[in-house]
Structures are given as structure tokens and as C-alpha cells.
């Protein structure tokens, strides 16, 4: 263990685990020097191939800077783990938000739904057009909220970089949110990311509480033909028209 590695690890106080799974554990943490809160993702690696896979996620995160995407502060190795120090989002995630609404027999207002979708579409537009990044695991659990309600996309563990005219042949993601082209083992491109979040939202909405234009947009995002799904720019334009 290098002295630099130990110093970087000791710079943070791990408070409590806030998420976990096959990918590792995410801790709520505090930087000792100034008390700023972070989310630290701890991932164990056993060989060079696993280390390279984790560092690929780090490399992708290091290129992303957007207000609706979880920011990477730094990353370092310590013992047999790689630690990713990320922006802390203390407002929960979209899955929990929708689940709470359902348990309380409440609906998500169209205004709130449009605002969330606007922020995500802005992030998609940046990822696709400026970074060439395909997320590949876009689901409600990976949409996080800050304390002031700003929506941010997180968890880029399965993401990859492609050109706009390229597709990916790798089948990955969470089964419940897989786009049909992945289920059919076809090539996937940027439209696959549009499918992910819209699935749970469409399931939760009640048509009588939403405008025809908004329901039409959500259903278009679930088109079985990838090429017919709206692009992030299309989504932003249609939402802007609804808000006039």
C-alpha cells in the first residue's frame, strides 16, 4: 500500500452504506478537511481484467461534466479496492419516489413528471451528442435526486462509448428495463437508453390525470422500433411546446 493511497483513503470518513450489490458497496462519506458529503463507491477487483473494467468506468466518468449527471470527484486504489468519490445526492432515487407515491395512493403531477423528464433528456442529449456515451443500464434506481430535487443520472458501470452511427452488440442491463432490441439480441444504439426510464413512468401514470400530448410522448419513447423513438432533442422540443 502506497503512502499516497492511504492518505487519499484517510481523507474521507465512511459513515454508512447506502447501496450495495454485485458491483460493490456505496457509502455515504464525509471529507474530513471541510465536512463536504460524498457518495463513495467501493469496488473489489481480483485480477487485471477486473481492474481494467472498473477503470473503464472511471475513465468515462472523468470525461462527463453536466448538472444532471452525478459528478466524479476523484478515484483511487487502496488495498484490493478501487474507490470512486462521487457527488452525494441526498434526495433518494426515482424508483423510491414512484414507490412512495404508489403506497400513499398519490399520483405524480404532470408538472413534476415533465420536469424530471426534461432534466433527463438534457442529460441524454449531452451524453449522446457531446460524449458519445451509451449508458446501457438506465432505470429508475439510477436516477438520483439532490436535496433540492435536481435529477441526476448515475451508475455508469455498464456504459460504453460509441459513434452516433455505431451500435453495441453487448447484451447487458437490468432485465426488467431492457429495450426490446436487447431482448431479441439485436444491436443496440442510443434509442435503448430512451426506453429504460420511461418504462416505470408509463406503468405508474393514470391517463385521466395527464394531457394527451404528454402521454403520447411517453408512449413514443416506448416504441418497439428503436428508430421511431424520439431523440433527446425531440423530447426537449415536445416538452417545451407543452409548457407554452
Protein backbone atom coordinates (compact mmCIF):
# COMPACT_ATOMS: atom_id res chain seq x y z
CA UNK A 1 0.00 0.00 0.00
CA UNK A 2 1.47 3.36 -1.00
CA UNK A 3 1.50 6.32 1.36
CA UNK A 4 -0.41 8.38 -1.22
CA UNK A 5 -3.12 5.70 -1.43
CA UNK A 6 -3.51 5.61 2.35
CA UNK A 7 -3.62 9.40 2.58
CA UNK A 8 -6.38 9.64 -0.03
CA UNK A 9 -8.38 6.90 1.70
CA UNK A 10 -7.94 8.52 5.13
CA UNK A 11 -9.14 11.86 3.74
CA UNK A 12 -12.72 10.53 3.97
CA UNK A 13 -14.82 9.21 6.83
CA UNK A 14 -17.13 6.40 5.67
CA UNK A 15 -20.38 6.96 7.57
CA UNK A 16 -22.77 4.23 6.43
CA UNK A 17 -23.55 2.02 3.41
CA UNK A 18 -26.38 3.43 1.28
CA UNK A 19 -26.40 0.95 -1.61
CA UNK A 20 -24.89 -2.39 -2.47
CA UNK A 21 -24.92 -5.26 -4.91
CA UNK A 22 -22.76 -7.26 -7.27
CA UNK A 23 -20.97 -4.04 -8.27
CA UNK A 24 -19.74 -3.38 -4.71
CA UNK A 25 -20.87 -1.04 -1.95
CA UNK A 26 -21.69 2.67 -1.97
CA UNK A 27 -21.05 4.58 1.26
CA UNK A 28 -22.23 7.94 2.46
CA UNK A 29 -18.98 9.65 3.39
CA UNK A 30 -17.61 12.95 4.66
CA UNK A 31 -14.39 14.67 3.65
CA UNK A 32 -12.51 15.30 6.86
CA UNK A 33 -11.00 18.65 5.87
CA UNK A 34 -14.24 20.53 5.17
CA UNK A 35 -17.16 18.23 6.06
CA UNK A 36 -18.46 18.02 2.48
CA UNK A 37 -20.57 14.90 1.91
CA UNK A 38 -19.85 12.42 -0.90
CA UNK A 39 -21.01 9.02 -2.08
CA UNK A 40 -18.04 6.66 -2.29
CA UNK A 41 -18.32 3.54 -4.42
CA UNK A 42 -16.05 0.73 -3.21
CA UNK A 43 -15.36 -1.98 -5.79
CA UNK A 44 -13.14 -5.00 -5.19
CA UNK A 45 -11.03 -6.37 -8.04
CA UNK A 46 -9.27 -9.71 -8.15
CA UNK A 47 -7.27 -9.56 -11.36
CA UNK A 48 -6.08 -7.21 -14.08
CA UNK A 49 -9.16 -7.77 -16.25
CA UNK A 50 -11.49 -6.75 -13.42
CA UNK A 51 -9.32 -3.73 -12.62
CA UNK A 52 -9.39 -2.65 -16.27
CA UNK A 53 -13.19 -2.95 -16.33
CA UNK A 54 -13.58 -0.73 -13.27
CA UNK A 55 -11.07 1.81 -14.56
CA UNK A 56 -13.03 1.99 -17.81
CA UNK A 57 -15.99 3.32 -15.81
CA UNK A 58 -13.68 5.79 -14.07
CA UNK A 59 -12.32 6.99 -17.42
CA UNK A 60 -15.83 7.56 -18.77
CA UNK A 61 -16.96 9.42 -15.64
CA UNK A 62 -13.88 11.63 -15.79
CA UNK A 63 -15.00 12.98 -19.19
CA UNK A 64 -18.53 13.88 -18.05
CA UNK A 65 -19.44 17.27 -16.63
CA UNK A 66 -23.15 18.06 -16.59
CA UNK A 67 -25.57 19.36 -13.96
CA UNK A 68 -27.91 16.38 -14.46
CA UNK A 69 -25.23 13.69 -14.19
CA UNK A 70 -23.57 12.57 -10.96
CA UNK A 71 -20.09 14.12 -10.86
CA UNK A 72 -16.91 12.15 -10.13
CA UNK A 73 -14.67 13.98 -7.65
CA UNK A 74 -11.73 11.56 -7.76
CA UNK A 75 -10.83 7.86 -7.86
CA UNK A 76 -8.00 5.90 -6.28
CA UNK A 77 -6.85 2.39 -5.37
CA UNK A 78 -6.46 1.24 -1.78
CA UNK A 79 -5.64 -2.36 -0.83
CA UNK A 80 -7.71 -4.61 -3.14
CA UNK A 81 -10.34 -1.96 -3.83
CA UNK A 82 -10.93 0.92 -6.19
CA UNK A 83 -12.77 3.87 -4.67
CA UNK A 84 -14.82 6.32 -6.72
CA UNK A 85 -15.62 9.51 -4.83
CA UNK A 86 -18.81 10.92 -6.30
CA UNK A 87 -21.24 13.74 -5.74
CA UNK A 88 -23.69 12.90 -2.95
CA UNK A 89 -27.37 13.01 -3.88
CA UNK A 90 -29.36 13.02 -0.65
CA UNK A 91 -32.86 13.13 -2.14
CA UNK A 92 -33.28 9.43 -2.94
CA UNK A 93 -33.90 7.94 -6.38
CA UNK A 94 -36.73 7.80 -8.91
CA UNK A 95 -37.69 4.23 -8.00
CA UNK A 96 -38.24 5.14 -4.35
CA UNK A 97 -40.06 8.34 -5.33
CA UNK A 98 -42.54 6.45 -7.53
CA UNK A 99 -42.93 3.64 -4.98
CA UNK A 100 -43.75 6.10 -2.19
CA UNK A 101 -46.35 7.79 -4.36
CA UNK A 102 -47.98 4.45 -5.09
CA UNK A 103 -48.03 3.36 -1.43
CA UNK A 104 -49.65 6.66 -0.45
CA UNK A 105 -52.18 6.37 -3.29
CA UNK A 106 -50.86 9.60 -4.77
CA UNK A 107 -50.11 10.49 -8.36
CA UNK A 108 -47.06 12.23 -9.76
CA UNK A 109 -48.27 15.54 -11.13
CA UNK A 110 -47.71 16.11 -14.82
CA UNK A 111 -45.67 19.20 -13.95
CA UNK A 112 -43.30 17.13 -11.79
CA UNK A 113 -43.10 14.34 -14.37
CA UNK A 114 -42.31 16.81 -17.16
CA UNK A 115 -39.63 18.48 -15.04
CA UNK A 116 -37.91 15.16 -14.30
CA UNK A 117 -38.09 14.08 -17.93
CA UNK A 118 -36.77 17.47 -19.10
CA UNK A 119 -33.69 17.11 -16.89
CA UNK A 120 -33.05 13.54 -18.02
CA UNK A 121 -33.49 14.44 -21.69
CA UNK A 122 -30.98 17.26 -21.25
CA UNK A 123 -28.50 14.76 -19.78
CA UNK A 124 -29.19 12.24 -22.58
CA UNK A 125 -28.63 14.94 -25.18
CA UNK A 126 -25.25 15.77 -23.66
CA UNK A 127 -24.18 12.12 -23.31
CA UNK A 128 -25.14 11.19 -26.84
CA UNK A 129 -24.17 14.28 -28.82
CA UNK A 130 -21.13 15.57 -26.93
CA UNK A 131 -19.70 12.42 -25.32
CA UNK A 132 -20.94 9.54 -27.48
CA UNK A 133 -21.83 7.57 -24.34
CA UNK A 134 -24.43 4.81 -24.23
CA UNK A 135 -25.45 4.24 -20.59
CA UNK A 136 -26.97 0.74 -21.08
CA UNK A 137 -28.50 0.47 -17.60
CA UNK A 138 -30.84 3.43 -17.41
CA UNK A 139 -33.51 2.59 -14.84
CA UNK A 140 -35.32 4.45 -12.03
CA UNK A 141 -32.81 3.27 -9.41
CA UNK A 142 -30.06 5.04 -11.36
CA UNK A 143 -31.87 8.37 -11.46
CA UNK A 144 -30.89 10.19 -8.26
CA UNK A 145 -32.16 13.40 -6.69
CA UNK A 146 -30.31 16.09 -4.79
CA UNK A 147 -31.90 17.63 -1.70
CA UNK A 148 -33.33 20.43 -3.86
CA UNK A 149 -34.93 17.97 -6.30
CA UNK A 150 -32.46 18.12 -9.19
CA UNK A 151 -32.45 14.82 -11.10
CA UNK A 152 -29.10 13.25 -11.97
CA UNK A 153 -28.13 10.10 -13.86
CA UNK A 154 -25.72 7.81 -12.00
CA UNK A 155 -24.02 4.40 -12.22
CA UNK A 156 -22.06 4.20 -15.46
CA UNK A 157 -20.71 0.71 -14.74
CA UNK A 158 -22.17 -0.75 -17.95
CA UNK A 159 -21.73 2.30 -20.15
CA UNK A 160 -19.68 2.41 -23.33
CA UNK A 161 -18.60 4.99 -25.89
CA UNK A 162 -19.81 4.70 -29.48
CA UNK A 163 -20.07 6.93 -32.52
CA UNK A 164 -23.50 8.18 -33.49
CA UNK A 165 -23.62 5.77 -36.44
CA UNK A 166 -22.42 2.82 -34.34
CA UNK A 167 -24.29 0.21 -32.34
CA UNK A 168 -23.28 -2.09 -29.49
CA UNK A 169 -23.59 -5.87 -29.68
CA UNK A 170 -23.14 -6.50 -25.95
CA UNK A 171 -26.30 -7.55 -24.12
CA UNK A 172 -26.29 -6.02 -20.66
CA UNK A 173 -28.52 -4.12 -18.28
CA UNK A 174 -31.32 -4.91 -15.84
CA UNK A 175 -33.81 -7.44 -17.34
CA UNK A 176 -36.95 -5.55 -16.27
CA UNK A 177 -35.81 -2.44 -18.15
CA UNK A 178 -34.21 -3.98 -21.24
CA UNK A 179 -35.27 -2.45 -24.54
CA UNK A 180 -36.87 -4.99 -26.91
CA UNK A 181 -33.89 -4.93 -29.26
CA UNK A 182 -31.74 -6.26 -26.41
CA UNK A 183 -34.23 -8.98 -25.51
CA UNK A 184 -34.21 -10.03 -29.17
CA UNK A 185 -30.38 -9.95 -29.07
CA UNK A 186 -30.21 -7.31 -31.78
CA UNK A 187 -27.73 -4.46 -31.93
CA UNK A 188 -28.46 -1.53 -29.63
CA UNK A 189 -27.82 2.16 -30.08
CA UNK A 190 -28.79 5.37 -28.33
CA UNK A 191 -32.57 4.68 -28.56
CA UNK A 192 -32.11 1.86 -26.00
CA UNK A 193 -31.40 4.45 -23.31
CA UNK A 194 -34.67 6.24 -24.07
CA UNK A 195 -36.57 3.03 -23.27
CA UNK A 196 -35.13 2.48 -19.76
CA UNK A 197 -36.59 5.18 -17.53
CA UNK A 198 -39.82 5.57 -19.50
CA UNK A 199 -40.88 2.01 -18.64
CA UNK A 200 -41.61 2.54 -14.96
CA UNK A 201 -43.04 6.01 -15.57
CA UNK A 202 -45.53 4.71 -18.15
CA UNK A 203 -46.55 1.93 -15.76
CA UNK A 204 -47.28 4.41 -12.97
CA UNK A 205 -49.30 7.02 -14.86
CA UNK A 206 -53.07 7.25 -14.96
CA UNK A 207 -54.23 8.66 -18.32
CA UNK A 208 -57.08 10.66 -16.78
CA UNK A 209 -54.58 12.86 -14.91
CA UNK A 210 -52.27 13.70 -17.81
CA UNK A 211 -52.53 15.63 -21.04
CA UNK A 212 -52.85 13.79 -24.32
CA UNK A 213 -49.59 15.29 -25.58
CA UNK A 214 -47.61 14.09 -22.57
CA UNK A 215 -49.00 10.55 -22.72
CA UNK A 216 -48.24 10.47 -26.44
CA UNK A 217 -44.61 11.44 -25.76
CA UNK A 218 -44.16 8.72 -23.12
CA UNK A 219 -45.66 6.10 -25.39
CA UNK A 220 -43.44 7.18 -28.28
CA UNK A 221 -40.44 6.62 -26.01
CA UNK A 222 -41.65 3.02 -25.69
CA UNK A 223 -41.96 2.40 -29.43
CA UNK A 224 -40.90 -1.17 -30.26
CA UNK A 225 -38.97 0.13 -33.27
CA UNK A 226 -35.82 1.89 -31.97
CA UNK A 227 -35.56 4.26 -34.93
CA UNK A 228 -39.04 5.63 -34.23
CA UNK A 229 -38.30 6.62 -30.63
CA UNK A 230 -37.78 10.36 -30.11
CA UNK A 231 -34.23 11.60 -29.66
CA UNK A 232 -33.36 13.61 -26.53
CA UNK A 233 -33.64 16.76 -28.66
CA UNK A 234 -37.12 15.70 -29.80
CA UNK A 235 -38.17 15.11 -26.19
CA UNK A 236 -36.91 18.53 -25.11
CA UNK A 237 -38.70 20.25 -28.02
CA UNK A 238 -42.01 18.49 -27.33
CA UNK A 239 -41.83 19.25 -23.61
CA UNK A 240 -41.06 22.90 -24.36
CA UNK A 241 -44.13 23.08 -26.58
CA UNK A 242 -46.31 21.64 -23.79
CA UNK A 243 -45.05 24.26 -21.34
CA UNK A 244 -46.01 27.21 -23.55
